[in-house]
Amino acid sequence: MSISPDLATSLTAIGSIMDGATDPWWIMGSAAVALHGADPDSVGDVDVLLSVADARRIFPTIGIELRRGSAHALFRSSIFGRWTETALPVEFMADFRRYSGTAWVPVRPTTRQAVELDGTMVFIPERAEMETMLAKFGRPKDIERARRLATLS
């Protein structure tokens, strides 16, 4: 696995603050694709899926306001926060859901693969599950990332 220095620095910072989490959490999106060893094309930010309870506990410690929202109309979170104190911006999403075309569907991985970076642990969904989730997100960039993960088989 080869990741950029900015991604490595950001993931290490995330792993450090999420060490205090009490519920499972995951790195998602392009950063997860990169951690699986596939080319995500670009990693402009890092997406973190976490529980509402952990968001309420962790956000104040890093200066993030608790708010509803999302960075994209097809996605929704009960609590959303953007952390810009790392090399890459980090988007935290608690109670994350995607729009299926008819309903808001919860996104909660069932697999959790640990990845160690400089002594810090981060977690990603296993490759097959990440591939399936990206395909269901439906955006062209997500479908392409799912295709790139599929080539790792």
C-alpha atoms as a PDB file:
ATOM      1  CA  MET A   1       0.000   0.000   0.000  1.00  0.00           C
ATOM      2  CA  SER A   2       1.319   3.384  -0.982  1.00  0.00           C
ATOM      3  CA  ILE A   3      -0.470   6.484   0.274  1.00  0.00           C
ATOM      4  CA  SER A   4       0.447  10.148   0.153  1.00  0.00           C
ATOM      5  CA  PRO A   5       2.188  11.810   3.103  1.00  0.00           C
ATOM      6  CA  ASP A   6      -0.848  14.111   3.589  1.00  0.00           C
ATOM      7  CA  LEU A   7      -3.198  11.127   3.769  1.00  0.00           C
ATOM      8  CA  ALA A   8      -0.888   9.281   6.158  1.00  0.00           C
ATOM      9  CA  THR A   9      -0.631  12.334   8.436  1.00  0.00           C
ATOM     10  CA  SER A  10      -4.399  12.857   8.405  1.00  0.00           C
ATOM     11  CA  LEU A  11      -5.144   9.191   9.100  1.00  0.00           C
ATOM     12  CA  THR A  12      -2.691   9.145  12.004  1.00  0.00           C
ATOM     13  CA  ALA A  13      -4.420  12.204  13.506  1.00  0.00           C
ATOM     14  CA  ILE A  14      -7.827  10.566  13.034  1.00  0.00           C
ATOM     15  CA  GLY A  15      -6.619   7.328  14.624  1.00  0.00           C
ATOM     16  CA  SER A  16      -5.343   9.257  17.625  1.00  0.00           C
ATOM     17  CA  ILE A  17      -8.578  11.133  18.290  1.00  0.00           C
ATOM     18  CA  MET A  18     -10.776   8.125  17.527  1.00  0.00           C
ATOM     19  CA  ASP A  19      -8.798   6.022  19.992  1.00  0.00           C
ATOM     20  CA  GLY A  20     -11.285   7.322  22.558  1.00  0.00           C
ATOM     21  CA  ALA A  21     -14.294   6.025  20.615  1.00  0.00           C
ATOM     22  CA  THR A  22     -16.497   3.495  22.358  1.00  0.00           C
ATOM     23  CA  ASP A  23     -18.324   2.307  19.225  1.00  0.00           C
ATOM     24  CA  PRO A  24     -16.987   0.932  15.933  1.00  0.00           C
ATOM     25  CA  TRP A  25     -15.908   3.525  13.372  1.00  0.00           C
ATOM     26  CA  TRP A  26     -14.578   3.380   9.807  1.00  0.00           C
ATOM     27  CA  ILE A  27     -12.588   5.334   7.259  1.00  0.00           C
ATOM     28  CA  MET A  28     -14.711   5.414   4.089  1.00  0.00           C
ATOM     29  CA  GLY A  29     -14.575   6.577   0.488  1.00  0.00           C
ATOM     30  CA  SER A  30     -11.403   7.360  -1.411  1.00  0.00           C
ATOM     31  CA  ALA A  31      -9.171   7.041   1.664  1.00  0.00           C
ATOM     32  CA  ALA A  32     -10.496   3.503   2.293  1.00  0.00           C
ATOM     33  CA  VAL A  33      -9.888   2.628  -1.361  1.00  0.00           C
ATOM     34  CA  ALA A  34      -6.295   3.840  -1.012  1.00  0.00           C
ATOM     35  CA  LEU A  35      -5.834   1.837   2.200  1.00  0.00           C
ATOM     36  CA  HIS A  36      -6.979  -1.271   0.338  1.00  0.00           C
ATOM     37  CA  GLY A  37      -4.180  -0.650  -2.149  1.00  0.00           C
ATOM     38  CA  ALA A  38      -6.278   0.481  -5.108  1.00  0.00           C
ATOM     39  CA  ASP A  39      -5.819   3.800  -6.886  1.00  0.00           C
ATOM     40  CA  PRO A  40      -8.730   6.041  -5.786  1.00  0.00           C
ATOM     41  CA  ASP A  41      -7.723   8.609  -8.452  1.00  0.00           C
ATOM     42  CA  SER A  42      -7.558  11.338  -5.824  1.00  0.00           C
ATOM     43  CA  VAL A  43      -8.067  11.762  -2.100  1.00  0.00           C
ATOM     44  CA  GLY A  44      -9.239  15.284  -1.361  1.00  0.00           C
ATOM     45  CA  ASP A  45     -10.597  14.575   2.104  1.00  0.00           C
ATOM     46  CA  VAL A  46     -11.095  11.719   4.539  1.00  0.00           C
ATOM     47  CA  ASP A  47     -14.561  10.433   5.418  1.00  0.00           C
ATOM     48  CA  VAL A  48     -15.129   8.936   8.862  1.00  0.00           C
ATOM     49  CA  LEU A  49     -18.266   7.033   9.843  1.00  0.00           C
ATOM     50  CA  LEU A  50     -18.897   7.057  13.597  1.00  0.00           C
ATOM     51  CA  SER A  51     -21.716   6.725  16.107  1.00  0.00           C
ATOM     52  CA  VAL A  52     -23.814   9.644  17.333  1.00  0.00           C
ATOM     53  CA  ALA A  53     -22.586   9.025  20.892  1.00  0.00           C
ATOM     54  CA  ASP A  54     -18.934   9.160  19.813  1.00  0.00           C
ATOM     55  CA  ALA A  55     -19.563  12.285  17.713  1.00  0.00           C
ATOM     56  CA  ARG A  56     -21.094  14.016  20.735  1.00  0.00           C
ATOM     57  CA  ARG A  57     -18.115  13.020  22.853  1.00  0.00           C
ATOM     58  CA  ILE A  58     -15.282  13.628  20.343  1.00  0.00           C
ATOM     59  CA  PHE A  59     -16.363  16.713  18.370  1.00  0.00           C
ATOM     60  CA  PRO A  60     -16.043  19.162  21.292  1.00  0.00           C
ATOM     61  CA  THR A  61     -12.507  17.926  22.030  1.00  0.00           C
ATOM     62  CA  ILE A  62     -11.351  18.942  18.537  1.00  0.00           C
ATOM     63  CA  GLY A  63     -13.435  22.099  18.200  1.00  0.00           C
ATOM     64  CA  ILE A  64     -16.142  20.817  15.847  1.00  0.00           C
ATOM     65  CA  GLU A  65     -19.702  22.092  16.240  1.00  0.00           C
ATOM     66  CA  LEU A  66     -22.422  19.437  16.389  1.00  0.00           C
ATOM     67  CA  ARG A  67     -24.729  19.980  13.408  1.00  0.00           C
ATOM     68  CA  ARG A  68     -26.946  18.104  10.978  1.00  0.00           C
ATOM     69  CA  GLY A  69     -26.094  17.905   7.345  1.00  0.00           C
ATOM     70  CA  SER A  70     -23.922  16.523   4.641  1.00  0.00           C
ATOM     71  CA  ALA A  71     -21.557  17.657   1.967  1.00  0.00           C
ATOM     72  CA  HIS A  72     -23.728  16.053  -0.753  1.00  0.00           C
ATOM     73  CA  ALA A  73     -27.482  15.935  -1.472  1.00  0.00           C
ATOM     74  CA  LEU A  74     -27.507  12.113  -1.793  1.00  0.00           C
ATOM     75  CA  PHE A  75     -26.166  11.658   1.728  1.00  0.00           C
ATOM     76  CA  ARG A  76     -27.432  12.664   5.149  1.00  0.00           C
ATOM     77  CA  SER A  77     -26.086  12.456   8.691  1.00  0.00           C
ATOM     78  CA  SER A  78     -27.760  13.123  12.031  1.00  0.00           C
ATOM     79  CA  ILE A  79     -24.484  14.759  13.025  1.00  0.00           C
ATOM     80  CA  PHE A  80     -21.950  16.029  10.507  1.00  0.00           C
ATOM     81  CA  GLY A  81     -18.669  17.779  11.180  1.00  0.00           C
ATOM     82  CA  ARG A  82     -15.709  18.943   9.151  1.00  0.00           C
ATOM     83  CA  TRP A  83     -12.276  19.016  10.788  1.00  0.00           C
ATOM     84  CA  THR A  84      -9.675  21.135   9.008  1.00  0.00           C
ATOM     85  CA  GLU A  85      -6.797  20.863  11.463  1.00  0.00           C
ATOM     86  CA  THR A  86      -5.182  18.011   9.496  1.00  0.00           C
ATOM     87  CA  ALA A  87      -3.270  17.873   6.218  1.00  0.00           C
ATOM     88  CA  LEU A  88      -6.493  16.805   4.459  1.00  0.00           C
ATOM     89  CA  PRO A  89      -9.941  17.915   5.638  1.00  0.00           C
ATOM     90  CA  VAL A  90     -11.839  15.241   7.566  1.00  0.00           C
ATOM     91  CA  GLU A  91     -15.605  14.811   7.274  1.00  0.00           C
ATOM     92  CA  PHE A  92     -17.202  13.003  10.211  1.00  0.00           C
ATOM     93  CA  MET A  93     -20.628  11.455   9.642  1.00  0.00           C
ATOM     94  CA  ALA A  94     -22.757  10.022  12.454  1.00  0.00           C
ATOM     95  CA  ASP A  95     -25.930   8.067  11.630  1.00  0.00           C
ATOM     96  CA  PHE A  96     -24.951   8.263   7.955  1.00  0.00           C
ATOM     97  CA  ARG A  97     -27.574   7.470   5.304  1.00  0.00           C
ATOM     98  CA  ARG A  98     -27.670   7.398   1.504  1.00  0.00           C
ATOM     99  CA  TYR A  99     -30.651   8.141  -0.669  1.00  0.00           C
ATOM    100  CA  SER A 100     -31.694   5.041  -2.627  1.00  0.00           C
ATOM    101  CA  GLY A 101     -34.060   6.879  -4.955  1.00  0.00           C
ATOM    102  CA  THR A 102     -37.080   6.131  -2.790  1.00  0.00           C
ATOM    103  CA  ALA A 103     -35.844   6.155   0.818  1.00  0.00           C
ATOM    104  CA  TRP A 104     -32.966   7.080   3.116  1.00  0.00           C
ATOM    105  CA  VAL A 105     -31.001   3.890   3.793  1.00  0.00           C
ATOM    106  CA  PRO A 106     -28.621   3.601   6.768  1.00  0.00           C
ATOM    107  CA  VAL A 107     -24.980   2.986   5.858  1.00  0.00           C
ATOM    108  CA  ARG A 108     -23.342   0.872   8.513  1.00  0.00           C
ATOM    109  CA  PRO A 109     -20.579  -1.521   7.524  1.00  0.00           C
ATOM    110  CA  THR A 110     -20.690  -5.017   8.975  1.00  0.00           C
ATOM    111  CA  THR A 111     -16.984  -5.711   8.487  1.00  0.00           C
ATOM    112  CA  ARG A 112     -14.075  -3.890  10.093  1.00  0.00           C
ATOM    113  CA  GLN A 113     -10.491  -4.310   8.970  1.00  0.00           C
ATOM    114  CA  ALA A 114      -7.704  -2.739  11.046  1.00  0.00           C
ATOM    115  CA  VAL A 115      -4.885  -0.893   9.307  1.00  0.00           C
ATOM    116  CA  GLU A 116      -1.845   0.270  11.257  1.00  0.00           C
ATOM    117  CA  LEU A 117      -0.117   3.539  10.370  1.00  0.00           C
ATOM    118  CA  ASP A 118       2.865   4.613  12.434  1.00  0.00           C
ATOM    119  CA  GLY A 119       1.572   2.755  15.487  1.00  0.00           C
ATOM    120  CA  THR A 120      -1.949   4.151  15.145  1.00  0.00           C
ATOM    121  CA  MET A 121      -4.929   2.009  14.140  1.00  0.00           C
ATOM    122  CA  VAL A 122      -7.607   3.039  11.675  1.00  0.00           C
ATOM    123  CA  PHE A 123     -10.434   0.856  10.431  1.00  0.00           C
ATOM    124  CA  ILE A 124     -11.976   0.301   7.009  1.00  0.00           C
ATOM    125  CA  PRO A 125     -14.711  -1.978   5.708  1.00  0.00           C
ATOM    126  CA  GLU A 126     -13.318  -5.120   4.098  1.00  0.00           C
ATOM    127  CA  ARG A 127     -12.679  -4.787   0.367  1.00  0.00           C
ATOM    128  CA  ALA A 128     -15.808  -6.576  -0.925  1.00  0.00           C
ATOM    129  CA  GLU A 129     -18.101  -4.620   1.372  1.00  0.00           C
ATOM    130  CA  MET A 130     -16.445  -1.302   0.460  1.00  0.00           C
ATOM    131  CA  GLU A 131     -16.824  -2.166  -3.219  1.00  0.00           C
ATOM    132  CA  THR A 132     -20.551  -2.899  -2.765  1.00  0.00           C
ATOM    133  CA  MET A 133     -21.146   0.291  -0.764  1.00  0.00           C
ATOM    134  CA  LEU A 134     -19.386   2.459  -3.348  1.00  0.00           C
ATOM    135  CA  ALA A 135     -21.446   0.932  -6.154  1.00  0.00           C
ATOM    136  CA  LYS A 136     -24.662   1.658  -4.215  1.00  0.00           C
ATOM    137  CA  PHE A 137     -23.606   5.285  -3.659  1.00  0.00           C
ATOM    138  CA  GLY A 138     -24.100   5.592  -7.416  1.00  0.00           C
ATOM    139  CA  ARG A 139     -21.989   8.632  -8.176  1.00  0.00           C
ATOM    140  CA  PRO A 140     -19.622   8.183 -11.149  1.00  0.00           C
ATOM    141  CA  LYS A 141     -16.525   8.621  -8.952  1.00  0.00           C
ATOM    142  CA  ASP A 142     -17.795   5.997  -6.477  1.00  0.00           C
ATOM    143  CA  ILE A 143     -18.607   3.524  -9.251  1.00  0.00           C
ATOM    144  CA  GLU A 144     -15.107   4.001 -10.663  1.00  0.00           C
ATOM    145  CA  ARG A 145     -13.557   3.441  -7.238  1.00  0.00           C
ATOM    146  CA  ALA A 146     -15.626   0.258  -6.821  1.00  0.00           C
ATOM    147  CA  ARG A 147     -14.319  -0.914 -10.204  1.00  0.00           C
ATOM    148  CA  ARG A 148     -10.740  -0.247  -9.125  1.00  0.00           C
ATOM    149  CA  LEU A 149     -11.271  -2.229  -5.907  1.00  0.00           C
ATOM    150  CA  ALA A 150     -12.675  -5.101  -7.978  1.00  0.00           C
ATOM    151  CA  THR A 151      -9.425  -5.296  -9.941  1.00  0.00           C
ATOM    152  CA  LEU A 152      -7.603  -6.271  -6.734  1.00  0.00           C
ATOM    153  CA  SER A 153      -9.313  -9.679  -6.640  1.00  0.00           C
END
